[in-house]
Amino acid sequence: MGEFWPVPDVLAYLAGNWRVRRSVRDLASGDEGEFTGATAFEALDGGGLLHRESGTFVWQGVARPAERTLRYLPGDAPGTADVRFADGRPFHDLDLTAGHWITDHPCSADLYRGEFTVYDADRWRTVWRVRGPAKDLVLTTDHTRADPA
């Protein structure tokens, strides 16, 4: 397990600014795209973090601005998080105390399976594998701290 970097408190770890690079592969069509941008995890009133991601998504040669907002709230166990969409709907749980976490998110008939891996104090990765009648995708996102301590 030397490849994982344990995180005792996921919210404390994520707080701050990150550079983001995401590859998107459509396994059905073979198409590939890429998102590049930044994510800020800022303190929320009442606890938790507001996650704001913005950048450029290039798909089939066309570049478009892209953004999303999530809420990372304190989880049921110390050091964990309950991740929610901007409108409050549940997305997934997150426990990085071992430096690695796998979680699921059902979306209509599709299933998103997320794998989170922390490499060190300033680098982590998510891989979402999406399977179902509407999608067959792999989304790999690398985060690098923009303001290392």
N, C-alpha and C. Protein backbone atom coordinates (compact mmCIF):
# COMPACT_ATOMS: atom_id res chain seq x y z
N MET A 1 0.82 -1.20 0.00
CA MET A 1 0.00 0.00 0.00
C MET A 1 0.86 1.25 0.00
N GLY A 2 2.14 1.17 -0.28
CA GLY A 2 3.01 2.33 -0.30
C GLY A 2 2.65 3.33 -1.39
N GLU A 3 1.81 2.93 -2.35
CA GLU A 3 1.45 3.83 -3.44
C GLU A 3 0.37 4.83 -3.04
N PHE A 4 -0.28 4.61 -1.91
CA PHE A 4 -1.34 5.52 -1.45
C PHE A 4 -0.82 6.39 -0.31
N TRP A 5 -1.34 7.61 -0.26
CA TRP A 5 -0.94 8.55 0.79
C TRP A 5 -2.16 8.81 1.66
N PRO A 6 -2.20 8.26 2.89
CA PRO A 6 -3.38 8.42 3.75
C PRO A 6 -3.67 9.88 4.08
N VAL A 7 -4.96 10.21 4.11
CA VAL A 7 -5.43 11.57 4.39
C VAL A 7 -6.34 11.49 5.62
N PRO A 8 -5.88 11.98 6.78
CA PRO A 8 -6.70 11.87 7.99
C PRO A 8 -7.97 12.72 7.94
N ASP A 9 -7.95 13.83 7.18
CA ASP A 9 -9.11 14.71 7.10
C ASP A 9 -9.25 15.20 5.65
N VAL A 10 -10.20 14.64 4.91
CA VAL A 10 -10.33 14.94 3.48
C VAL A 10 -10.63 16.42 3.24
N LEU A 11 -11.43 17.05 4.08
CA LEU A 11 -11.77 18.45 3.85
C LEU A 11 -10.55 19.35 4.06
N ALA A 12 -9.75 19.07 5.07
CA ALA A 12 -8.53 19.85 5.28
C ALA A 12 -7.56 19.65 4.12
N TYR A 13 -7.47 18.43 3.63
CA TYR A 13 -6.56 18.12 2.52
C TYR A 13 -6.97 18.87 1.25
N LEU A 14 -8.25 18.86 0.92
CA LEU A 14 -8.72 19.43 -0.34
C LEU A 14 -8.74 20.96 -0.35
N ALA A 15 -8.85 21.59 0.81
CA ALA A 15 -8.98 23.05 0.87
C ALA A 15 -7.87 23.73 0.09
N GLY A 16 -8.26 24.72 -0.72
CA GLY A 16 -7.28 25.48 -1.50
C GLY A 16 -7.55 25.36 -2.98
N ASN A 17 -6.51 25.64 -3.76
CA ASN A 17 -6.63 25.70 -5.23
C ASN A 17 -5.82 24.59 -5.89
N TRP A 18 -6.41 24.02 -6.94
CA TRP A 18 -5.81 22.90 -7.65
C TRP A 18 -5.86 23.14 -9.16
N ARG A 19 -4.82 22.70 -9.85
CA ARG A 19 -4.84 22.64 -11.32
C ARG A 19 -5.45 21.29 -11.69
N VAL A 20 -6.25 21.28 -12.76
CA VAL A 20 -6.99 20.08 -13.13
C VAL A 20 -6.76 19.76 -14.60
N ARG A 21 -6.52 18.48 -14.87
CA ARG A 21 -6.45 17.97 -16.25
C ARG A 21 -7.24 16.67 -16.28
N ARG A 22 -8.24 16.62 -17.18
CA ARG A 22 -9.12 15.45 -17.26
C ARG A 22 -9.14 14.93 -18.70
N SER A 23 -8.92 13.63 -18.84
CA SER A 23 -9.11 13.00 -20.15
C SER A 23 -10.46 12.30 -20.12
N VAL A 24 -11.16 12.35 -21.25
CA VAL A 24 -12.46 11.70 -21.39
C VAL A 24 -12.38 10.78 -22.60
N ARG A 25 -12.63 9.50 -22.38
CA ARG A 25 -12.62 8.53 -23.47
C ARG A 25 -13.99 7.89 -23.59
N ASP A 26 -14.57 7.96 -24.77
CA ASP A 26 -15.82 7.27 -25.07
C ASP A 26 -15.43 5.91 -25.65
N LEU A 27 -15.62 4.85 -24.87
CA LEU A 27 -15.17 3.52 -25.30
C LEU A 27 -16.02 2.98 -26.44
N ALA A 28 -17.25 3.46 -26.58
CA ALA A 28 -18.12 2.98 -27.66
C ALA A 28 -17.69 3.56 -29.00
N SER A 29 -17.40 4.85 -29.05
CA SER A 29 -17.09 5.52 -30.33
C SER A 29 -15.59 5.67 -30.56
N GLY A 30 -14.80 5.59 -29.49
CA GLY A 30 -13.37 5.83 -29.62
C GLY A 30 -13.00 7.30 -29.53
N ASP A 31 -13.98 8.18 -29.40
CA ASP A 31 -13.70 9.61 -29.28
C ASP A 31 -12.99 9.91 -27.96
N GLU A 32 -12.15 10.95 -28.01
CA GLU A 32 -11.44 11.38 -26.82
C GLU A 32 -11.53 12.89 -26.69
N GLY A 33 -11.57 13.36 -25.45
CA GLY A 33 -11.60 14.78 -25.18
C GLY A 33 -10.73 15.08 -23.98
N GLU A 34 -10.57 16.40 -23.73
CA GLU A 34 -9.75 16.80 -22.59
C GLU A 34 -10.27 18.09 -21.99
N PHE A 35 -10.29 18.11 -20.65
CA PHE A 35 -10.63 19.30 -19.89
C PHE A 35 -9.37 19.79 -19.20
N THR A 36 -9.09 21.08 -19.27
CA THR A 36 -8.01 21.68 -18.49
C THR A 36 -8.57 22.90 -17.79
N GLY A 37 -8.17 23.07 -16.53
CA GLY A 37 -8.69 24.20 -15.79
C GLY A 37 -8.21 24.19 -14.36
N ALA A 38 -9.07 24.72 -13.49
CA ALA A 38 -8.72 24.87 -12.08
C ALA A 38 -9.94 24.55 -11.22
N THR A 39 -9.64 24.12 -10.00
CA THR A 39 -10.67 23.87 -9.00
C THR A 39 -10.28 24.61 -7.73
N ALA A 40 -11.25 25.29 -7.15
CA ALA A 40 -11.06 25.93 -5.85
C ALA A 40 -11.99 25.26 -4.85
N PHE A 41 -11.45 24.86 -3.72
CA PHE A 41 -12.23 24.34 -2.60
C PHE A 41 -12.23 25.42 -1.52
N GLU A 42 -13.38 26.08 -1.36
CA GLU A 42 -13.48 27.20 -0.44
C GLU A 42 -14.42 26.86 0.71
N ALA A 43 -14.17 27.43 1.88
CA ALA A 43 -14.96 27.14 3.07
C ALA A 43 -16.42 27.53 2.87
N LEU A 44 -17.31 26.65 3.30
CA LEU A 44 -18.75 26.90 3.29
C LEU A 44 -19.19 27.34 4.69
N ASP A 45 -20.12 28.27 4.76
CA ASP A 45 -20.71 28.63 6.05
C ASP A 45 -21.36 27.37 6.62
N GLY A 46 -21.11 27.08 7.88
CA GLY A 46 -21.69 25.91 8.52
C GLY A 46 -20.85 24.66 8.37
N GLY A 47 -19.70 24.75 7.71
CA GLY A 47 -18.81 23.60 7.56
C GLY A 47 -18.82 23.02 6.17
N GLY A 48 -17.73 22.42 5.81
CA GLY A 48 -17.60 21.83 4.49
C GLY A 48 -16.92 22.77 3.51
N LEU A 49 -16.89 22.34 2.26
CA LEU A 49 -16.20 23.09 1.21
C LEU A 49 -17.09 23.22 -0.02
N LEU A 50 -17.00 24.38 -0.67
CA LEU A 50 -17.63 24.58 -1.96
C LEU A 50 -16.57 24.33 -3.02
N HIS A 51 -16.84 23.41 -3.92
CA HIS A 51 -15.92 23.01 -4.99
C HIS A 51 -16.39 23.69 -6.27
N ARG A 52 -15.55 24.57 -6.81
CA ARG A 52 -15.87 25.26 -8.07
C ARG A 52 -14.78 24.93 -9.08
N GLU A 53 -15.21 24.28 -10.15
CA GLU A 53 -14.28 23.88 -11.20
C GLU A 53 -14.62 24.67 -12.46
N SER A 54 -13.61 25.20 -13.12
CA SER A 54 -13.85 25.92 -14.38
C SER A 54 -12.64 25.75 -15.28
N GLY A 55 -12.91 25.74 -16.58
CA GLY A 55 -11.83 25.57 -17.55
C GLY A 55 -12.38 25.42 -18.94
N THR A 56 -11.62 24.71 -19.77
CA THR A 56 -11.97 24.51 -21.17
C THR A 56 -12.05 23.02 -21.46
N PHE A 57 -13.13 22.60 -22.10
CA PHE A 57 -13.31 21.22 -22.51
C PHE A 57 -13.23 21.16 -24.03
N VAL A 58 -12.32 20.33 -24.53
CA VAL A 58 -12.16 20.15 -25.98
C VAL A 58 -12.70 18.77 -26.34
N TRP A 59 -13.71 18.74 -27.21
CA TRP A 59 -14.32 17.49 -27.66
C TRP A 59 -14.47 17.56 -29.17
N GLN A 60 -13.94 16.55 -29.86
CA GLN A 60 -14.00 16.48 -31.32
C GLN A 60 -13.48 17.78 -31.94
N GLY A 61 -12.40 18.31 -31.36
CA GLY A 61 -11.74 19.49 -31.89
C GLY A 61 -12.39 20.82 -31.55
N VAL A 62 -13.50 20.79 -30.83
CA VAL A 62 -14.20 22.02 -30.48
C VAL A 62 -13.97 22.34 -29.00
N ALA A 63 -13.44 23.54 -28.72
CA ALA A 63 -13.18 23.98 -27.35
C ALA A 63 -14.37 24.77 -26.84
N ARG A 64 -14.80 24.43 -25.62
CA ARG A 64 -15.93 25.13 -24.98
C ARG A 64 -15.60 25.39 -23.52
N PRO A 65 -16.08 26.51 -22.97
CA PRO A 65 -15.92 26.69 -21.53
C PRO A 65 -16.76 25.67 -20.78
N ALA A 66 -16.26 25.22 -19.64
CA ALA A 66 -16.99 24.23 -18.83
C ALA A 66 -16.78 24.57 -17.36
N GLU A 67 -17.82 24.30 -16.58
CA GLU A 67 -17.71 24.51 -15.13
C GLU A 67 -18.69 23.61 -14.41
N ARG A 68 -18.40 23.40 -13.13
CA ARG A 68 -19.33 22.67 -12.27
C ARG A 68 -19.06 23.08 -10.83
N THR A 69 -20.09 22.90 -10.02
CA THR A 69 -20.02 23.22 -8.60
C THR A 69 -20.54 22.04 -7.80
N LEU A 70 -19.79 21.66 -6.78
CA LEU A 70 -20.18 20.59 -5.87
C LEU A 70 -20.03 21.10 -4.43
N ARG A 71 -20.68 20.40 -3.52
CA ARG A 71 -20.53 20.71 -2.10
C ARG A 71 -19.94 19.49 -1.40
N TYR A 72 -18.86 19.71 -0.68
CA TYR A 72 -18.20 18.66 0.09
C TYR A 72 -18.53 18.94 1.56
N LEU A 73 -19.44 18.17 2.12
CA LEU A 73 -19.89 18.37 3.49
C LEU A 73 -19.23 17.35 4.40
N PRO A 74 -19.12 17.64 5.72
CA PRO A 74 -18.55 16.65 6.62
C PRO A 74 -19.33 15.34 6.55
N GLY A 75 -18.60 14.22 6.48
CA GLY A 75 -19.23 12.90 6.39
C GLY A 75 -19.64 12.37 7.75
N ASP A 76 -20.17 11.14 7.74
CA ASP A 76 -20.62 10.51 8.97
C ASP A 76 -19.47 10.15 9.90
N ALA A 77 -18.32 9.77 9.34
CA ALA A 77 -17.15 9.41 10.15
C ALA A 77 -16.15 10.57 10.13
N PRO A 78 -15.38 10.73 11.19
CA PRO A 78 -14.39 11.82 11.21
C PRO A 78 -13.44 11.74 10.01
N GLY A 79 -13.17 12.89 9.40
CA GLY A 79 -12.22 12.97 8.30
C GLY A 79 -12.79 12.61 6.94
N THR A 80 -14.08 12.26 6.86
CA THR A 80 -14.69 11.87 5.59
C THR A 80 -15.58 12.99 5.06
N ALA A 81 -16.09 12.82 3.83
CA ALA A 81 -16.97 13.83 3.23
C ALA A 81 -18.18 13.19 2.58
N ASP A 82 -19.25 13.96 2.54
CA ASP A 82 -20.49 13.64 1.84
C ASP A 82 -20.55 14.62 0.67
N VAL A 83 -20.33 14.13 -0.54
CA VAL A 83 -20.26 15.00 -1.71
C VAL A 83 -21.64 15.12 -2.34
N ARG A 84 -22.04 16.37 -2.60
CA ARG A 84 -23.37 16.65 -3.14
C ARG A 84 -23.26 17.57 -4.34
N PHE A 85 -24.25 17.44 -5.22
CA PHE A 85 -24.34 18.36 -6.35
C PHE A 85 -24.69 19.75 -5.81
N ALA A 86 -24.55 20.77 -6.65
CA ALA A 86 -24.81 22.15 -6.23
C ALA A 86 -26.22 22.32 -5.68
N ASP A 87 -27.18 21.56 -6.21
CA ASP A 87 -28.57 21.69 -5.77
C ASP A 87 -28.89 20.86 -4.52
N GLY A 88 -27.87 20.19 -3.96
CA GLY A 88 -28.06 19.43 -2.73
C GLY A 88 -28.30 17.95 -2.91
N ARG A 89 -28.53 17.48 -4.15
CA ARG A 89 -28.73 16.05 -4.37
C ARG A 89 -27.46 15.28 -4.03
N PRO A 90 -27.59 14.08 -3.46
CA PRO A 90 -26.40 13.28 -3.13
C PRO A 90 -25.63 12.85 -4.38
N PHE A 91 -24.30 12.89 -4.29
CA PHE A 91 -23.44 12.42 -5.38
C PHE A 91 -22.72 11.16 -4.91
N HIS A 92 -21.82 11.29 -3.92
CA HIS A 92 -21.11 10.11 -3.41
C HIS A 92 -20.47 10.42 -2.07
N ASP A 93 -20.04 9.35 -1.38
CA ASP A 93 -19.28 9.51 -0.15
C ASP A 93 -17.80 9.52 -0.50
N LEU A 94 -16.98 10.01 0.44
CA LEU A 94 -15.54 10.08 0.18
C LEU A 94 -14.78 9.89 1.49
N ASP A 95 -13.94 8.85 1.51
CA ASP A 95 -13.13 8.53 2.68
C ASP A 95 -11.71 8.24 2.18
N LEU A 96 -10.80 9.18 2.40
CA LEU A 96 -9.43 9.02 1.93
C LEU A 96 -8.46 8.69 3.06
N THR A 97 -8.99 8.20 4.19
CA THR A 97 -8.11 7.92 5.33
C THR A 97 -7.06 6.86 5.00
N ALA A 98 -7.33 6.00 4.01
CA ALA A 98 -6.34 5.02 3.55
C ALA A 98 -5.62 5.51 2.30
N GLY A 99 -5.98 6.70 1.80
CA GLY A 99 -5.37 7.23 0.58
C GLY A 99 -6.00 6.70 -0.69
N HIS A 100 -7.05 5.89 -0.56
CA HIS A 100 -7.70 5.27 -1.72
C HIS A 100 -9.16 5.01 -1.38
N TRP A 101 -10.07 5.25 -2.36
CA TRP A 101 -11.49 5.06 -2.10
C TRP A 101 -12.20 4.72 -3.40
N ILE A 102 -13.14 3.79 -3.32
CA ILE A 102 -13.99 3.44 -4.47
C ILE A 102 -15.44 3.66 -4.05
N THR A 103 -16.20 4.33 -4.91
CA THR A 103 -17.59 4.65 -4.60
C THR A 103 -18.43 4.58 -5.87
N ASP A 104 -19.74 4.46 -5.71
CA ASP A 104 -20.66 4.38 -6.85
C ASP A 104 -21.66 5.52 -6.81
N HIS A 105 -22.12 5.89 -8.02
CA HIS A 105 -23.20 6.87 -8.15
C HIS A 105 -24.11 6.40 -9.29
N PRO A 106 -25.33 5.92 -8.96
CA PRO A 106 -26.27 5.56 -10.03
C PRO A 106 -26.87 6.81 -10.64
N CYS A 107 -26.95 6.85 -11.96
CA CYS A 107 -27.51 8.00 -12.68
C CYS A 107 -28.43 7.46 -13.76
N SER A 108 -29.73 7.51 -13.52
CA SER A 108 -30.71 6.85 -14.40
C SER A 108 -30.30 5.40 -14.53
N ALA A 109 -30.15 4.89 -15.75
CA ALA A 109 -29.79 3.49 -15.93
C ALA A 109 -28.28 3.28 -15.98
N ASP A 110 -27.50 4.38 -15.90
CA ASP A 110 -26.04 4.28 -15.95
C ASP A 110 -25.48 4.21 -14.53
N LEU A 111 -24.30 3.59 -14.40
CA LEU A 111 -23.63 3.52 -13.11
C LEU A 111 -22.25 4.16 -13.25
N TYR A 112 -21.99 5.14 -12.38
CA TYR A 112 -20.68 5.77 -12.29
C TYR A 112 -19.94 5.11 -11.13
N ARG A 113 -18.75 4.55 -11.40
CA ARG A 113 -17.91 3.99 -10.35
C ARG A 113 -16.65 4.84 -10.28
N GLY A 114 -16.45 5.48 -9.12
CA GLY A 114 -15.32 6.37 -8.95
C GLY A 114 -14.23 5.76 -8.10
N GLU A 115 -12.99 5.94 -8.55
CA GLU A 115 -11.83 5.49 -7.79
C GLU A 115 -10.95 6.71 -7.51
N PHE A 116 -10.71 6.97 -6.24
CA PHE A 116 -9.93 8.12 -5.80
C PHE A 116 -8.60 7.63 -5.25
N THR A 117 -7.50 8.22 -5.69
CA THR A 117 -6.18 7.83 -5.22
C THR A 117 -5.39 9.09 -4.87
N VAL A 118 -4.85 9.12 -3.65
CA VAL A 118 -4.00 10.24 -3.23
C VAL A 118 -2.55 9.77 -3.31
N TYR A 119 -1.71 10.55 -4.03
CA TYR A 119 -0.30 10.19 -4.22
C TYR A 119 0.60 10.86 -3.20
N ASP A 120 0.29 12.11 -2.84
CA ASP A 120 1.08 12.83 -1.85
C ASP A 120 0.31 14.08 -1.44
N ALA A 121 0.97 14.98 -0.73
CA ALA A 121 0.29 16.17 -0.20
C ALA A 121 -0.26 17.08 -1.29
N ASP A 122 0.26 16.94 -2.51
CA ASP A 122 -0.10 17.88 -3.57
C ASP A 122 -0.62 17.25 -4.86
N ARG A 123 -0.92 15.92 -4.84
CA ARG A 123 -1.39 15.26 -6.06
C ARG A 123 -2.39 14.16 -5.72
N TRP A 124 -3.52 14.15 -6.45
CA TRP A 124 -4.50 13.08 -6.33
C TRP A 124 -5.20 12.89 -7.67
N ARG A 125 -5.82 11.73 -7.84
CA ARG A 125 -6.46 11.37 -9.11
C ARG A 125 -7.82 10.75 -8.84
N THR A 126 -8.75 11.04 -9.76
CA THR A 126 -10.02 10.32 -9.77
C THR A 126 -10.17 9.66 -11.14
N VAL A 127 -10.71 8.45 -11.13
CA VAL A 127 -11.06 7.76 -12.37
C VAL A 127 -12.52 7.34 -12.23
N TRP A 128 -13.37 7.90 -13.08
CA TRP A 128 -14.78 7.50 -13.12
C TRP A 128 -14.99 6.62 -14.33
N ARG A 129 -15.50 5.43 -14.09
CA ARG A 129 -15.87 4.48 -15.16
C ARG A 129 -17.39 4.52 -15.22
N VAL A 130 -17.92 4.91 -16.37
CA VAL A 130 -19.36 5.07 -16.53
C VAL A 130 -19.86 4.01 -17.51
N ARG A 131 -20.81 3.19 -17.04
CA ARG A 131 -21.36 2.12 -17.87
C ARG A 131 -22.87 2.14 -17.81
N GLY A 132 -23.47 1.86 -18.95
CA GLY A 132 -24.93 1.77 -18.99
C GLY A 132 -25.41 1.90 -20.42
N PRO A 133 -26.72 1.93 -20.60
CA PRO A 133 -27.27 2.00 -21.95
C PRO A 133 -26.95 3.33 -22.66
N ALA A 134 -26.73 4.40 -21.90
CA ALA A 134 -26.50 5.70 -22.53
C ALA A 134 -25.03 6.06 -22.63
N LYS A 135 -24.17 5.43 -21.81
CA LYS A 135 -22.77 5.85 -21.75
C LYS A 135 -21.83 4.67 -21.57
N ASP A 136 -20.62 4.82 -22.12
CA ASP A 136 -19.53 3.88 -21.91
C ASP A 136 -18.25 4.71 -21.92
N LEU A 137 -17.93 5.31 -20.76
CA LEU A 137 -16.88 6.32 -20.67
C LEU A 137 -15.86 5.99 -19.59
N VAL A 138 -14.66 6.55 -19.76
CA VAL A 138 -13.66 6.60 -18.71
C VAL A 138 -13.20 8.06 -18.61
N LEU A 139 -13.35 8.63 -17.41
CA LEU A 139 -12.93 10.01 -17.14
C LEU A 139 -11.82 9.95 -16.10
N THR A 140 -10.63 10.38 -16.46
CA THR A 140 -9.47 10.36 -15.56
C THR A 140 -9.06 11.79 -15.29
N THR A 141 -9.08 12.17 -14.01
CA THR A 141 -8.78 13.55 -13.62
C THR A 141 -7.60 13.58 -12.68
N ASP A 142 -6.57 14.35 -13.07
CA ASP A 142 -5.41 14.57 -12.21
C ASP A 142 -5.49 15.96 -11.61
N HIS A 143 -5.31 16.01 -10.29
CA HIS A 143 -5.31 17.28 -9.54
C HIS A 143 -3.91 17.51 -9.00
N THR A 144 -3.40 18.72 -9.21
CA THR A 144 -2.10 19.13 -8.67
C THR A 144 -2.32 20.43 -7.93
N ARG A 145 -1.86 20.48 -6.69
CA ARG A 145 -2.06 21.69 -5.88
C ARG A 145 -1.42 22.89 -6.56
N ALA A 146 -2.19 23.96 -6.69
CA ALA A 146 -1.71 25.17 -7.36
C ALA A 146 -0.85 26.02 -6.44
N ASP A 147 -1.05 25.86 -5.15
CA ASP A 147 -0.31 26.66 -4.17
C ASP A 147 0.27 25.76 -3.09
N PRO A 148 1.28 24.92 -3.46
CA PRO A 148 1.84 23.98 -2.48
C PRO A 148 2.43 24.72 -1.28
N ALA A 149 2.34 24.08 -0.13
CA ALA A 149 2.84 24.71 1.11
C ALA A 149 4.36 24.78 1.12
